[in-house]
């Protein structure tokens, strides 16, 4: 499954249906509202920021929503990557949470985002167009 397109999207709102089946790294939080944007585009895997998890785990709640729809999803720690900056997520982020779909692809908590995505993706990311 190597060589998949890798897109960087500072906001999950920049994900488009053209990214279906690809890997998308965002700077957005991993809550339900963000997950719904990803769900509409159906990427193979989407990475968010955990935003400090928040009240009742609101910053990572979208991972379960996406798991229920068969989409791999993970979050990096808010202290390892800048929120709102997909390149920071990709280059510096360390995975803190991953749903079962993501774990089956080798996206495991405690590992650098860039490292876990390398076996899946093209080496150089594509920048998602901003709305």
C-alpha atoms as a PDB file:
ATOM      1  CA  UNK A   1       0.000   0.000   0.000  1.00  0.00           C
ATOM      2  CA  UNK A   2       3.002   2.319  -0.382  1.00  0.00           C
ATOM      3  CA  UNK A   3       3.069   5.327  -2.665  1.00  0.00           C
ATOM      4  CA  UNK A   4      -0.363   6.707  -1.797  1.00  0.00           C
ATOM      5  CA  UNK A   5      -0.862  10.431  -2.312  1.00  0.00           C
ATOM      6  CA  UNK A   6      -0.179  12.438   0.845  1.00  0.00           C
ATOM      7  CA  UNK A   7      -1.985  15.739   1.283  1.00  0.00           C
ATOM      8  CA  UNK A   8      -1.349  18.447   3.866  1.00  0.00           C
ATOM      9  CA  UNK A   9      -4.436  20.469   4.773  1.00  0.00           C
ATOM     10  CA  UNK A  10      -4.100  23.110   7.484  1.00  0.00           C
ATOM     11  CA  UNK A  11      -7.864  22.854   7.950  1.00  0.00           C
ATOM     12  CA  UNK A  12      -9.948  19.728   7.534  1.00  0.00           C
ATOM     13  CA  UNK A  13     -12.306  22.005   5.613  1.00  0.00           C
ATOM     14  CA  UNK A  14      -9.824  21.919   2.722  1.00  0.00           C
ATOM     15  CA  UNK A  15     -10.271  18.176   2.165  1.00  0.00           C
ATOM     16  CA  UNK A  16     -11.991  17.400  -1.139  1.00  0.00           C
ATOM     17  CA  UNK A  17     -13.461  14.264  -2.738  1.00  0.00           C
ATOM     18  CA  UNK A  18     -10.363  14.173  -4.979  1.00  0.00           C
ATOM     19  CA  UNK A  19      -8.479  12.999  -1.848  1.00  0.00           C
ATOM     20  CA  UNK A  20     -10.568   9.831  -1.510  1.00  0.00           C
ATOM     21  CA  UNK A  21      -8.320   6.862  -0.771  1.00  0.00           C
ATOM     22  CA  UNK A  22      -5.339   9.094   0.015  1.00  0.00           C
ATOM     23  CA  UNK A  23      -3.630   9.994   3.277  1.00  0.00           C
ATOM     24  CA  UNK A  24      -4.516  13.454   4.591  1.00  0.00           C
ATOM     25  CA  UNK A  25      -2.654  15.214   7.395  1.00  0.00           C
ATOM     26  CA  UNK A  26      -4.486  18.176   8.883  1.00  0.00           C
ATOM     27  CA  UNK A  27      -3.876  20.821  11.494  1.00  0.00           C
ATOM     28  CA  UNK A  28      -7.457  20.555  12.746  1.00  0.00           C
ATOM     29  CA  UNK A  29      -8.651  19.068  16.027  1.00  0.00           C
ATOM     30  CA  UNK A  30      -9.943  15.506  15.923  1.00  0.00           C
ATOM     31  CA  UNK A  31     -13.470  16.196  17.160  1.00  0.00           C
ATOM     32  CA  UNK A  32     -16.785  15.119  15.658  1.00  0.00           C
ATOM     33  CA  UNK A  33     -17.264  18.227  13.511  1.00  0.00           C
ATOM     34  CA  UNK A  34     -13.834  17.801  11.901  1.00  0.00           C
ATOM     35  CA  UNK A  35     -14.424  14.086  11.389  1.00  0.00           C
ATOM     36  CA  UNK A  36     -17.588  14.821   9.401  1.00  0.00           C
ATOM     37  CA  UNK A  37     -15.539  16.825   6.868  1.00  0.00           C
ATOM     38  CA  UNK A  38     -13.163  13.896   6.477  1.00  0.00           C
ATOM     39  CA  UNK A  39     -16.041  11.442   6.228  1.00  0.00           C
ATOM     40  CA  UNK A  40     -17.458  13.323   3.249  1.00  0.00           C
ATOM     41  CA  UNK A  41     -14.158  12.958   1.348  1.00  0.00           C
ATOM     42  CA  UNK A  42     -13.399   9.346   2.443  1.00  0.00           C
ATOM     43  CA  UNK A  43      -9.593   9.368   2.638  1.00  0.00           C
ATOM     44  CA  UNK A  44      -7.892   6.115   3.564  1.00  0.00           C
ATOM     45  CA  UNK A  45      -6.328   7.784   6.608  1.00  0.00           C
ATOM     46  CA  UNK A  46      -6.665  11.216   8.180  1.00  0.00           C
ATOM     47  CA  UNK A  47      -4.468  12.690  10.908  1.00  0.00           C
ATOM     48  CA  UNK A  48      -5.602  15.441  13.289  1.00  0.00           C
ATOM     49  CA  UNK A  49      -4.262  17.300  16.330  1.00  0.00           C
ATOM     50  CA  UNK A  50      -5.604  16.064  19.680  1.00  0.00           C
ATOM     51  CA  UNK A  51      -6.032  19.700  20.825  1.00  0.00           C
ATOM     52  CA  UNK A  52      -5.290  18.670  24.403  1.00  0.00           C
ATOM     53  CA  UNK A  53      -8.206  16.222  24.260  1.00  0.00           C
ATOM     54  CA  UNK A  54     -10.612  18.715  25.819  1.00  0.00           C
ATOM     55  CA  UNK A  55     -13.741  18.215  27.879  1.00  0.00           C
ATOM     56  CA  UNK A  56     -15.053  14.654  27.587  1.00  0.00           C
ATOM     57  CA  UNK A  57     -12.337  13.891  24.996  1.00  0.00           C
ATOM     58  CA  UNK A  58     -13.958  16.230  22.459  1.00  0.00           C
ATOM     59  CA  UNK A  59     -10.582  16.773  20.741  1.00  0.00           C
ATOM     60  CA  UNK A  60     -10.312  13.114  19.735  1.00  0.00           C
ATOM     61  CA  UNK A  61     -13.951  12.001  19.564  1.00  0.00           C
ATOM     62  CA  UNK A  62     -13.964  11.977  15.769  1.00  0.00           C
ATOM     63  CA  UNK A  63     -11.676   8.956  15.682  1.00  0.00           C
ATOM     64  CA  UNK A  64     -14.509   6.708  16.847  1.00  0.00           C
ATOM     65  CA  UNK A  65     -16.944   8.252  14.376  1.00  0.00           C
ATOM     66  CA  UNK A  66     -14.524   7.574  11.511  1.00  0.00           C
ATOM     67  CA  UNK A  67     -13.773   4.042  12.773  1.00  0.00           C
ATOM     68  CA  UNK A  68     -17.491   3.255  12.580  1.00  0.00           C
ATOM     69  CA  UNK A  69     -17.362   4.279   8.909  1.00  0.00           C
ATOM     70  CA  UNK A  70     -14.217   2.263   8.111  1.00  0.00           C
ATOM     71  CA  UNK A  71     -11.843   5.222   7.903  1.00  0.00           C
ATOM     72  CA  UNK A  72      -8.458   5.170   9.612  1.00  0.00           C
ATOM     73  CA  UNK A  73      -7.861   8.198  11.829  1.00  0.00           C
ATOM     74  CA  UNK A  74      -5.240   9.321  14.310  1.00  0.00           C
ATOM     75  CA  UNK A  75      -4.237  12.354  16.334  1.00  0.00           C
ATOM     76  CA  UNK A  76      -0.870  13.821  17.209  1.00  0.00           C
ATOM     77  CA  UNK A  77      -0.217  15.520  20.513  1.00  0.00           C
ATOM     78  CA  UNK A  78      -0.931  19.209  20.831  1.00  0.00           C
ATOM     79  CA  UNK A  79       2.452  19.705  22.490  1.00  0.00           C
ATOM     80  CA  UNK A  80       4.274  18.082  19.551  1.00  0.00           C
ATOM     81  CA  UNK A  81       2.733  19.974  16.631  1.00  0.00           C
ATOM     82  CA  UNK A  82       1.171  23.363  16.032  1.00  0.00           C
ATOM     83  CA  UNK A  83      -2.617  23.317  15.859  1.00  0.00           C
ATOM     84  CA  UNK A  84      -3.753  24.603  12.477  1.00  0.00           C
ATOM     85  CA  UNK A  85      -0.483  23.709  10.703  1.00  0.00           C
ATOM     86  CA  UNK A  86      -0.534  20.449   8.781  1.00  0.00           C
ATOM     87  CA  UNK A  87       3.175  20.598   7.936  1.00  0.00           C
ATOM     88  CA  UNK A  88       3.978  20.753  11.648  1.00  0.00           C
ATOM     89  CA  UNK A  89       1.669  17.780  12.240  1.00  0.00           C
ATOM     90  CA  UNK A  90       3.491  15.803   9.563  1.00  0.00           C
ATOM     91  CA  UNK A  91       7.056  16.848  10.400  1.00  0.00           C
ATOM     92  CA  UNK A  92       7.002  17.095  14.194  1.00  0.00           C
ATOM     93  CA  UNK A  93       3.822  15.461  15.460  1.00  0.00           C
ATOM     94  CA  UNK A  94       3.902  12.365  17.615  1.00  0.00           C
ATOM     95  CA  UNK A  95       0.852  10.120  17.468  1.00  0.00           C
ATOM     96  CA  UNK A  96      -1.110  10.065  20.721  1.00  0.00           C
ATOM     97  CA  UNK A  97      -4.321   8.311  19.610  1.00  0.00           C
ATOM     98  CA  UNK A  98      -5.266   6.025  16.715  1.00  0.00           C
ATOM     99  CA  UNK A  99      -8.435   4.134  15.925  1.00  0.00           C
ATOM    100  CA  UNK A 100      -8.291   0.413  15.107  1.00  0.00           C
ATOM    101  CA  UNK A 101      -8.255   1.076  11.358  1.00  0.00           C
ATOM    102  CA  UNK A 102      -5.202   3.331  11.744  1.00  0.00           C
ATOM    103  CA  UNK A 103      -3.427   0.878  14.049  1.00  0.00           C
ATOM    104  CA  UNK A 104      -3.925  -1.855  11.438  1.00  0.00           C
ATOM    105  CA  UNK A 105      -1.956   0.362   9.024  1.00  0.00           C
ATOM    106  CA  UNK A 106       0.914   0.734  11.510  1.00  0.00           C
ATOM    107  CA  UNK A 107      -0.094   4.137  12.871  1.00  0.00           C
ATOM    108  CA  UNK A 108       0.749   3.584  16.521  1.00  0.00           C
ATOM    109  CA  UNK A 109       0.730   5.942  19.513  1.00  0.00           C
ATOM    110  CA  UNK A 110       4.146   7.089  20.638  1.00  0.00           C
ATOM    111  CA  UNK A 111       5.629   7.132  17.146  1.00  0.00           C
ATOM    112  CA  UNK A 112       6.363  10.188  14.993  1.00  0.00           C
ATOM    113  CA  UNK A 113       3.694  10.929  12.414  1.00  0.00           C
ATOM    114  CA  UNK A 114       6.171  11.222   9.567  1.00  0.00           C
ATOM    115  CA  UNK A 115       7.701   7.869  10.473  1.00  0.00           C
ATOM    116  CA  UNK A 116       4.403   5.949  10.555  1.00  0.00           C
ATOM    117  CA  UNK A 117       3.211   7.506   7.290  1.00  0.00           C
ATOM    118  CA  UNK A 118       6.435   6.835   5.354  1.00  0.00           C
ATOM    119  CA  UNK A 119       5.596   3.206   4.439  1.00  0.00           C
ATOM    120  CA  UNK A 120       2.164   4.259   3.159  1.00  0.00           C
ATOM    121  CA  UNK A 121       2.767   7.457   1.218  1.00  0.00           C
ATOM    122  CA  UNK A 122       4.677   9.265  -1.431  1.00  0.00           C
ATOM    123  CA  UNK A 123       7.792  10.847   0.111  1.00  0.00           C
ATOM    124  CA  UNK A 124       6.721  14.431  -0.609  1.00  0.00           C
ATOM    125  CA  UNK A 125       3.318  15.759   0.401  1.00  0.00           C
ATOM    126  CA  UNK A 126       0.975  17.773  -1.768  1.00  0.00           C
ATOM    127  CA  UNK A 127      -0.433  20.967  -0.312  1.00  0.00           C
ATOM    128  CA  UNK A 128      -4.230  21.020  -0.285  1.00  0.00           C
ATOM    129  CA  UNK A 129      -5.700  24.118  -1.887  1.00  0.00           C
ATOM    130  CA  UNK A 130      -7.140  26.538   0.618  1.00  0.00           C
ATOM    131  CA  UNK A 131     -10.734  27.562   0.208  1.00  0.00           C
END
